[in-house]
Amino acid sequence: MKIVVAVAFILILGSLGSALFFLMRDKGKSNRTVQALALRVGFSIVLFLLILLGYKLGYITPTGIH
């Protein structure tokens, strides 16, 4: 489960980076920035749902603060 979360986090950061690249390169003349940010939001929602599902199925257990 740690690997899935790490990969999803890398995808989110990659999408955010590509949105920045498109913002600087296109200077607002195309929708690629909006599409990249929408993809980032989608990845974030999927990651959140995967964490919830992993908790419900017992793949993720709370450890508390030590």
C-alpha atoms as a PDB file:
ATOM      1  CA  MET A   1       0.000   0.000   0.000  1.00  0.00           C
ATOM      2  CA  LYS A   2       2.941   2.320   0.665  1.00  0.00           C
ATOM      3  CA  ILE A   3       4.110   1.890  -2.914  1.00  0.00           C
ATOM      4  CA  VAL A   4       0.655   2.726  -4.301  1.00  0.00           C
ATOM      5  CA  VAL A   5       0.476   5.892  -2.203  1.00  0.00           C
ATOM      6  CA  ALA A   6       4.007   6.900  -3.214  1.00  0.00           C
ATOM      7  CA  VAL A   7       3.272   6.377  -6.924  1.00  0.00           C
ATOM      8  CA  ALA A   8       0.026   8.336  -6.659  1.00  0.00           C
ATOM      9  CA  PHE A   9       1.843  11.171  -4.884  1.00  0.00           C
ATOM     10  CA  ILE A  10       4.494  11.254  -7.629  1.00  0.00           C
ATOM     11  CA  LEU A  11       1.744  11.383 -10.268  1.00  0.00           C
ATOM     12  CA  ILE A  12       0.113  14.293  -8.438  1.00  0.00           C
ATOM     13  CA  LEU A  13       3.399  16.207  -8.277  1.00  0.00           C
ATOM     14  CA  GLY A  14       4.139  15.413 -11.932  1.00  0.00           C
ATOM     15  CA  SER A  15       0.754  16.731 -12.986  1.00  0.00           C
ATOM     16  CA  LEU A  16       1.304  19.885 -10.955  1.00  0.00           C
ATOM     17  CA  GLY A  17       4.705  20.356 -12.581  1.00  0.00           C
ATOM     18  CA  SER A  18       3.294  19.897 -16.062  1.00  0.00           C
ATOM     19  CA  ALA A  19       0.596  22.477 -15.295  1.00  0.00           C
ATOM     20  CA  LEU A  20       3.312  24.948 -14.313  1.00  0.00           C
ATOM     21  CA  PHE A  21       5.243  24.146 -17.490  1.00  0.00           C
ATOM     22  CA  PHE A  22       2.157  24.660 -19.677  1.00  0.00           C
ATOM     23  CA  LEU A  23       1.319  27.872 -17.839  1.00  0.00           C
ATOM     24  CA  MET A  24       4.765  29.316 -18.540  1.00  0.00           C
ATOM     25  CA  ARG A  25       5.020  28.001 -22.093  1.00  0.00           C
ATOM     26  CA  ASP A  26       1.515  28.743 -23.453  1.00  0.00           C
ATOM     27  CA  LYS A  27       0.921  31.978 -21.530  1.00  0.00           C
ATOM     28  CA  GLY A  28      -2.802  31.251 -21.201  1.00  0.00           C
ATOM     29  CA  LYS A  29      -3.497  30.579 -24.868  1.00  0.00           C
ATOM     30  CA  SER A  30      -4.474  26.921 -24.492  1.00  0.00           C
ATOM     31  CA  ASN A  31      -6.407  24.709 -22.093  1.00  0.00           C
ATOM     32  CA  ARG A  32      -3.489  22.418 -21.294  1.00  0.00           C
ATOM     33  CA  THR A  33      -2.904  24.067 -17.908  1.00  0.00           C
ATOM     34  CA  VAL A  34      -6.534  23.573 -16.924  1.00  0.00           C
ATOM     35  CA  GLN A  35      -6.459  19.970 -18.100  1.00  0.00           C
ATOM     36  CA  ALA A  36      -3.288  19.241 -16.113  1.00  0.00           C
ATOM     37  CA  LEU A  37      -4.780  20.788 -12.972  1.00  0.00           C
ATOM     38  CA  ALA A  38      -8.016  18.844 -13.458  1.00  0.00           C
ATOM     39  CA  LEU A  39      -5.952  15.664 -13.790  1.00  0.00           C
ATOM     40  CA  ARG A  40      -4.169  16.550 -10.533  1.00  0.00           C
ATOM     41  CA  VAL A  41      -7.495  16.959  -8.753  1.00  0.00           C
ATOM     42  CA  GLY A  42      -8.607  13.596 -10.143  1.00  0.00           C
ATOM     43  CA  PHE A  43      -5.411  11.916  -8.921  1.00  0.00           C
ATOM     44  CA  SER A  44      -5.887  13.480  -5.481  1.00  0.00           C
ATOM     45  CA  ILE A  45      -9.466  12.216  -5.225  1.00  0.00           C
ATOM     46  CA  VAL A  46      -8.424   8.725  -6.310  1.00  0.00           C
ATOM     47  CA  LEU A  47      -5.601   8.727  -3.751  1.00  0.00           C
ATOM     48  CA  PHE A  48      -7.994   9.796  -1.003  1.00  0.00           C
ATOM     49  CA  LEU A  49     -10.459   7.054  -1.956  1.00  0.00           C
ATOM     50  CA  LEU A  50      -7.667   4.458  -2.071  1.00  0.00           C
ATOM     51  CA  ILE A  51      -6.561   5.435   1.423  1.00  0.00           C
ATOM     52  CA  LEU A  52     -10.130   5.139   2.696  1.00  0.00           C
ATOM     53  CA  LEU A  53     -10.566   1.769   0.992  1.00  0.00           C
ATOM     54  CA  GLY A  54      -7.242   0.531   2.350  1.00  0.00           C
ATOM     55  CA  TYR A  55      -8.285   1.514   5.859  1.00  0.00           C
ATOM     56  CA  LYS A  56     -11.677  -0.182   5.514  1.00  0.00           C
ATOM     57  CA  LEU A  57     -10.113  -3.395   4.186  1.00  0.00           C
ATOM     58  CA  GLY A  58      -7.427  -3.438   6.879  1.00  0.00           C
ATOM     59  CA  TYR A  59      -4.413  -2.745   4.662  1.00  0.00           C
ATOM     60  CA  ILE A  60      -3.779   0.472   6.599  1.00  0.00           C
ATOM     61  CA  THR A  61      -3.928   0.422  10.377  1.00  0.00           C
ATOM     62  CA  PRO A  62      -3.693   3.398  12.714  1.00  0.00           C
ATOM     63  CA  THR A  63      -0.568   3.368  14.861  1.00  0.00           C
ATOM     64  CA  GLY A  64      -1.209   6.405  17.033  1.00  0.00           C
ATOM     65  CA  ILE A  65       1.312   8.961  18.205  1.00  0.00           C
ATOM     66  CA  HIS A  66       4.201   7.588  20.222  1.00  0.00           C
END
